[in-house]
Amino acid sequence: MNGHMVVTVGFTRTVRARGLRPGDVFAFPQAPKTPLTVTGVEKTVLSPELTLLAVTIPGRDAPVHLLASTPVHSLRMLRTIPMTCLLCGKHVEIELDLPKDGEPLSLVCDDHMYGTESSAEAEAGTTTESDTENTADTDPNTPREAN
């Protein structure tokens, strides 16, 4: 996540087969210890109410056919999610594994994270020679040379 801070909540919602994408890993609720990896998904819309999916799974000669509304247990769902920094409004894309990392609620970008290079530069600012000279003239704690 490159120094970002993301607040997430547990990924508890039911996933329907229509949400599966290549690379996802899921299991059927009836067989939770049998992970299946999706390598392809083809949709066939029969009506506005009925969509069938042909889900390609390695090791099977034919795709598994499911109703798009079939509930599945997600084990891995990598998603790139656009977010906006709460502090500065900067748009950032983050990648999360939803079942593992949770669903994102909010984000603070790395510009505001303590100890990161960009936040240190932003907080410290860049000082030039003239800045240090001016500071020496006005800072009461800076020793002065006697004339």
C-alpha atoms as a PDB file:
ATOM      1  CA  MET A   1       0.000   0.000   0.000  1.00  0.00           C
ATOM      2  CA  ASN A   2       3.030   2.292  -0.329  1.00  0.00           C
ATOM      3  CA  GLY A   3       2.784   4.114   3.002  1.00  0.00           C
ATOM      4  CA  HIS A   4      -0.934   4.839   2.826  1.00  0.00           C
ATOM      5  CA  MET A   5      -3.131   4.261   5.829  1.00  0.00           C
ATOM      6  CA  VAL A   6      -6.410   2.583   4.968  1.00  0.00           C
ATOM      7  CA  VAL A   7      -9.231   1.973   7.425  1.00  0.00           C
ATOM      8  CA  THR A   8     -11.123  -1.192   6.521  1.00  0.00           C
ATOM      9  CA  VAL A   9     -13.963  -3.272   7.890  1.00  0.00           C
ATOM     10  CA  GLY A  10     -14.183  -7.034   7.754  1.00  0.00           C
ATOM     11  CA  PHE A  11     -15.303  -8.432   4.422  1.00  0.00           C
ATOM     12  CA  THR A  12     -18.473 -10.175   5.539  1.00  0.00           C
ATOM     13  CA  ARG A  13     -20.922  -9.571   2.732  1.00  0.00           C
ATOM     14  CA  THR A  14     -22.189 -12.399   0.585  1.00  0.00           C
ATOM     15  CA  VAL A  15     -20.478 -12.619  -2.771  1.00  0.00           C
ATOM     16  CA  ARG A  16     -22.538 -13.693  -5.735  1.00  0.00           C
ATOM     17  CA  ALA A  17     -20.968 -15.581  -8.626  1.00  0.00           C
ATOM     18  CA  ARG A  18     -21.545 -12.520 -10.855  1.00  0.00           C
ATOM     19  CA  GLY A  19     -18.769 -10.761  -8.873  1.00  0.00           C
ATOM     20  CA  LEU A  20     -16.100 -13.335  -9.753  1.00  0.00           C
ATOM     21  CA  ARG A  21     -13.189 -12.356 -12.002  1.00  0.00           C
ATOM     22  CA  PRO A  22     -10.163 -14.225 -13.344  1.00  0.00           C
ATOM     23  CA  GLY A  23      -7.649 -14.688 -10.530  1.00  0.00           C
ATOM     24  CA  ASP A  24     -10.281 -14.912  -7.787  1.00  0.00           C
ATOM     25  CA  VAL A  25     -10.361 -17.936  -5.510  1.00  0.00           C
ATOM     26  CA  PHE A  26     -13.678 -19.067  -4.080  1.00  0.00           C
ATOM     27  CA  ALA A  27     -15.397 -22.042  -2.487  1.00  0.00           C
ATOM     28  CA  PHE A  28     -18.977 -23.171  -2.445  1.00  0.00           C
ATOM     29  CA  PRO A  29     -20.669 -22.830   0.964  1.00  0.00           C
ATOM     30  CA  GLN A  30     -21.333 -26.589   0.874  1.00  0.00           C
ATOM     31  CA  ALA A  31     -17.595 -27.324   0.363  1.00  0.00           C
ATOM     32  CA  PRO A  32     -15.690 -24.522   2.147  1.00  0.00           C
ATOM     33  CA  LYS A  33     -12.379 -26.424   2.150  1.00  0.00           C
ATOM     34  CA  THR A  34     -12.293 -26.881  -1.624  1.00  0.00           C
ATOM     35  CA  PRO A  35     -10.752 -23.716  -3.109  1.00  0.00           C
ATOM     36  CA  LEU A  36     -11.429 -23.099  -6.791  1.00  0.00           C
ATOM     37  CA  THR A  37      -9.414 -20.606  -8.849  1.00  0.00           C
ATOM     38  CA  VAL A  38     -11.198 -18.684 -11.586  1.00  0.00           C
ATOM     39  CA  THR A  39      -9.307 -18.422 -14.876  1.00  0.00           C
ATOM     40  CA  GLY A  40     -12.195 -17.139 -16.959  1.00  0.00           C
ATOM     41  CA  VAL A  41     -15.833 -16.071 -16.761  1.00  0.00           C
ATOM     42  CA  GLU A  42     -18.321 -15.926 -19.632  1.00  0.00           C
ATOM     43  CA  LYS A  43     -21.782 -14.445 -19.105  1.00  0.00           C
ATOM     44  CA  THR A  44     -24.906 -15.406 -20.957  1.00  0.00           C
ATOM     45  CA  VAL A  45     -27.868 -13.117 -20.324  1.00  0.00           C
ATOM     46  CA  LEU A  46     -31.091 -15.013 -20.895  1.00  0.00           C
ATOM     47  CA  SER A  47     -33.384 -12.284 -19.546  1.00  0.00           C
ATOM     48  CA  PRO A  48     -33.117  -9.260 -17.244  1.00  0.00           C
ATOM     49  CA  GLU A  49     -33.738 -11.673 -14.350  1.00  0.00           C
ATOM     50  CA  LEU A  50     -31.594 -14.581 -15.446  1.00  0.00           C
ATOM     51  CA  THR A  51     -27.885 -14.631 -16.222  1.00  0.00           C
ATOM     52  CA  LEU A  52     -25.801 -17.786 -16.483  1.00  0.00           C
ATOM     53  CA  LEU A  53     -22.046 -17.929 -15.994  1.00  0.00           C
ATOM     54  CA  ALA A  54     -19.533 -20.347 -17.449  1.00  0.00           C
ATOM     55  CA  VAL A  55     -16.645 -20.255 -14.951  1.00  0.00           C
ATOM     56  CA  THR A  56     -13.378 -21.780 -16.159  1.00  0.00           C
ATOM     57  CA  ILE A  57     -11.455 -23.616 -13.438  1.00  0.00           C
ATOM     58  CA  PRO A  58      -8.040 -25.277 -13.917  1.00  0.00           C
ATOM     59  CA  GLY A  59      -8.151 -29.066 -14.029  1.00  0.00           C
ATOM     60  CA  ARG A  60     -11.639 -29.276 -15.502  1.00  0.00           C
ATOM     61  CA  ASP A  61     -12.313 -29.967 -19.152  1.00  0.00           C
ATOM     62  CA  ALA A  62     -15.567 -28.021 -19.173  1.00  0.00           C
ATOM     63  CA  PRO A  63     -16.483 -24.796 -17.393  1.00  0.00           C
ATOM     64  CA  VAL A  64     -18.665 -24.848 -14.296  1.00  0.00           C
ATOM     65  CA  HIS A  65     -22.080 -23.352 -15.054  1.00  0.00           C
ATOM     66  CA  LEU A  66     -23.698 -21.232 -12.356  1.00  0.00           C
ATOM     67  CA  LEU A  67     -26.537 -18.809 -11.970  1.00  0.00           C
ATOM     68  CA  ALA A  68     -25.074 -15.323 -11.565  1.00  0.00           C
ATOM     69  CA  SER A  69     -26.953 -15.063  -8.253  1.00  0.00           C
ATOM     70  CA  THR A  70     -25.289 -18.173  -6.765  1.00  0.00           C
ATOM     71  CA  PRO A  71     -23.696 -17.322  -3.393  1.00  0.00           C
ATOM     72  CA  VAL A  72     -20.014 -18.227  -3.096  1.00  0.00           C
ATOM     73  CA  HIS A  73     -17.462 -17.924  -0.301  1.00  0.00           C
ATOM     74  CA  SER A  74     -14.638 -15.665  -1.473  1.00  0.00           C
ATOM     75  CA  LEU A  75     -11.108 -16.675  -0.470  1.00  0.00           C
ATOM     76  CA  ARG A  76      -9.150 -14.217  -2.624  1.00  0.00           C
ATOM     77  CA  MET A  77     -10.482 -11.206  -4.510  1.00  0.00           C
ATOM     78  CA  LEU A  78      -7.740  -8.775  -5.503  1.00  0.00           C
ATOM     79  CA  ARG A  79      -9.305  -5.465  -6.455  1.00  0.00           C
ATOM     80  CA  THR A  80      -7.905  -2.071  -7.389  1.00  0.00           C
ATOM     81  CA  ILE A  81     -10.052   0.477  -5.615  1.00  0.00           C
ATOM     82  CA  PRO A  82     -10.055   4.238  -6.268  1.00  0.00           C
ATOM     83  CA  MET A  83     -10.039   6.219  -3.011  1.00  0.00           C
ATOM     84  CA  THR A  84      -9.767   9.867  -2.000  1.00  0.00           C
ATOM     85  CA  CYS A  85      -7.468  11.032   0.798  1.00  0.00           C
ATOM     86  CA  LEU A  86      -9.462  12.359   3.743  1.00  0.00           C
ATOM     87  CA  LEU A  87      -6.950  15.139   4.379  1.00  0.00           C
ATOM     88  CA  CYS A  88      -6.074  16.559   0.963  1.00  0.00           C
ATOM     89  CA  GLY A  89      -8.561  15.063  -1.505  1.00  0.00           C
ATOM     90  CA  LYS A  90      -5.816  13.393  -3.570  1.00  0.00           C
ATOM     91  CA  HIS A  91      -7.099  10.495  -5.670  1.00  0.00           C
ATOM     92  CA  VAL A  92      -5.230   7.249  -5.019  1.00  0.00           C
ATOM     93  CA  GLU A  93      -5.741   3.724  -6.334  1.00  0.00           C
ATOM     94  CA  ILE A  94      -5.026   0.965  -3.853  1.00  0.00           C
ATOM     95  CA  GLU A  95      -4.955  -2.792  -4.307  1.00  0.00           C
ATOM     96  CA  LEU A  96      -6.613  -4.902  -1.645  1.00  0.00           C
ATOM     97  CA  ASP A  97      -7.388  -8.578  -1.234  1.00  0.00           C
ATOM     98  CA  LEU A  98     -10.912  -8.016   0.064  1.00  0.00           C
ATOM     99  CA  PRO A  99     -11.373 -11.223   2.119  1.00  0.00           C
ATOM    100  CA  LYS A 100      -7.952 -10.771   3.742  1.00  0.00           C
ATOM    101  CA  ASP A 101      -7.649  -6.965   4.005  1.00  0.00           C
ATOM    102  CA  GLY A 102     -11.323  -6.032   4.327  1.00  0.00           C
ATOM    103  CA  GLU A 103     -13.404  -3.437   2.535  1.00  0.00           C
ATOM    104  CA  PRO A 104     -11.936   0.071   2.580  1.00  0.00           C
ATOM    105  CA  LEU A 105     -13.756   2.888   4.349  1.00  0.00           C
ATOM    106  CA  SER A 106     -11.229   5.706   4.277  1.00  0.00           C
ATOM    107  CA  LEU A 107      -7.654   6.520   3.316  1.00  0.00           C
ATOM    108  CA  VAL A 108      -4.892   8.920   4.316  1.00  0.00           C
ATOM    109  CA  CYS A 109      -2.302   9.142   1.537  1.00  0.00           C
ATOM    110  CA  ASP A 110       1.431   8.865   2.091  1.00  0.00           C
ATOM    111  CA  ASP A 111       1.822  12.667   1.866  1.00  0.00           C
ATOM    112  CA  HIS A 112       0.569  12.819   5.471  1.00  0.00           C
ATOM    113  CA  MET A 113       2.179   9.732   6.971  1.00  0.00           C
ATOM    114  CA  TYR A 114       4.852  10.370   9.593  1.00  0.00           C
ATOM    115  CA  GLY A 115       8.265   9.039   8.660  1.00  0.00           C
ATOM    116  CA  THR A 116       7.688   8.789   4.925  1.00  0.00           C
ATOM    117  CA  GLU A 117       9.939  10.725   2.614  1.00  0.00           C
ATOM    118  CA  SER A 118       7.186  12.839   1.085  1.00  0.00           C
ATOM    119  CA  SER A 119       5.662  13.787   4.467  1.00  0.00           C
ATOM    120  CA  ALA A 120       9.067  14.668   5.905  1.00  0.00           C
ATOM    121  CA  GLU A 121       9.725  16.958   2.941  1.00  0.00           C
ATOM    122  CA  ALA A 122       6.274  18.510   3.189  1.00  0.00           C
ATOM    123  CA  GLU A 123       6.521  19.121   6.941  1.00  0.00           C
ATOM    124  CA  ALA A 124      10.154  20.255   6.964  1.00  0.00           C
ATOM    125  CA  GLY A 125       9.930  22.198   3.734  1.00  0.00           C
ATOM    126  CA  THR A 126      13.040  22.952   1.773  1.00  0.00           C
ATOM    127  CA  THR A 127      15.353  25.558   3.182  1.00  0.00           C
ATOM    128  CA  THR A 128      17.632  27.669   1.098  1.00  0.00           C
ATOM    129  CA  GLU A 129      20.751  29.522   2.192  1.00  0.00           C
ATOM    130  CA  SER A 130      18.873  32.815   2.316  1.00  0.00           C
ATOM    131  CA  ASP A 131      16.244  31.192   4.564  1.00  0.00           C
ATOM    132  CA  THR A 132      18.892  30.138   7.064  1.00  0.00           C
ATOM    133  CA  GLU A 133      20.504  33.562   6.963  1.00  0.00           C
ATOM    134  CA  ASN A 134      17.163  35.265   7.615  1.00  0.00           C
ATOM    135  CA  THR A 135      16.410  32.843  10.432  1.00  0.00           C
ATOM    136  CA  ALA A 136      19.727  33.595  12.078  1.00  0.00           C
ATOM    137  CA  ASP A 137      18.885  37.313  12.044  1.00  0.00           C
ATOM    138  CA  THR A 138      15.495  36.866  13.717  1.00  0.00           C
ATOM    139  CA  ASP A 139      16.005  33.822  15.964  1.00  0.00           C
ATOM    140  CA  PRO A 140      16.803  34.997  19.522  1.00  0.00           C
ATOM    141  CA  ASN A 141      18.541  31.682  20.289  1.00  0.00           C
ATOM    142  CA  THR A 142      21.081  32.083  17.492  1.00  0.00           C
ATOM    143  CA  PRO A 143      24.461  33.370  18.764  1.00  0.00           C
ATOM    144  CA  ARG A 144      25.522  36.632  17.141  1.00  0.00           C
ATOM    145  CA  GLU A 145      29.019  37.764  16.274  1.00  0.00           C
ATOM    146  CA  ALA A 146      30.262  40.795  18.143  1.00  0.00           C
ATOM    147  CA  ASN A 147      31.057  43.830  15.936  1.00  0.00           C
END
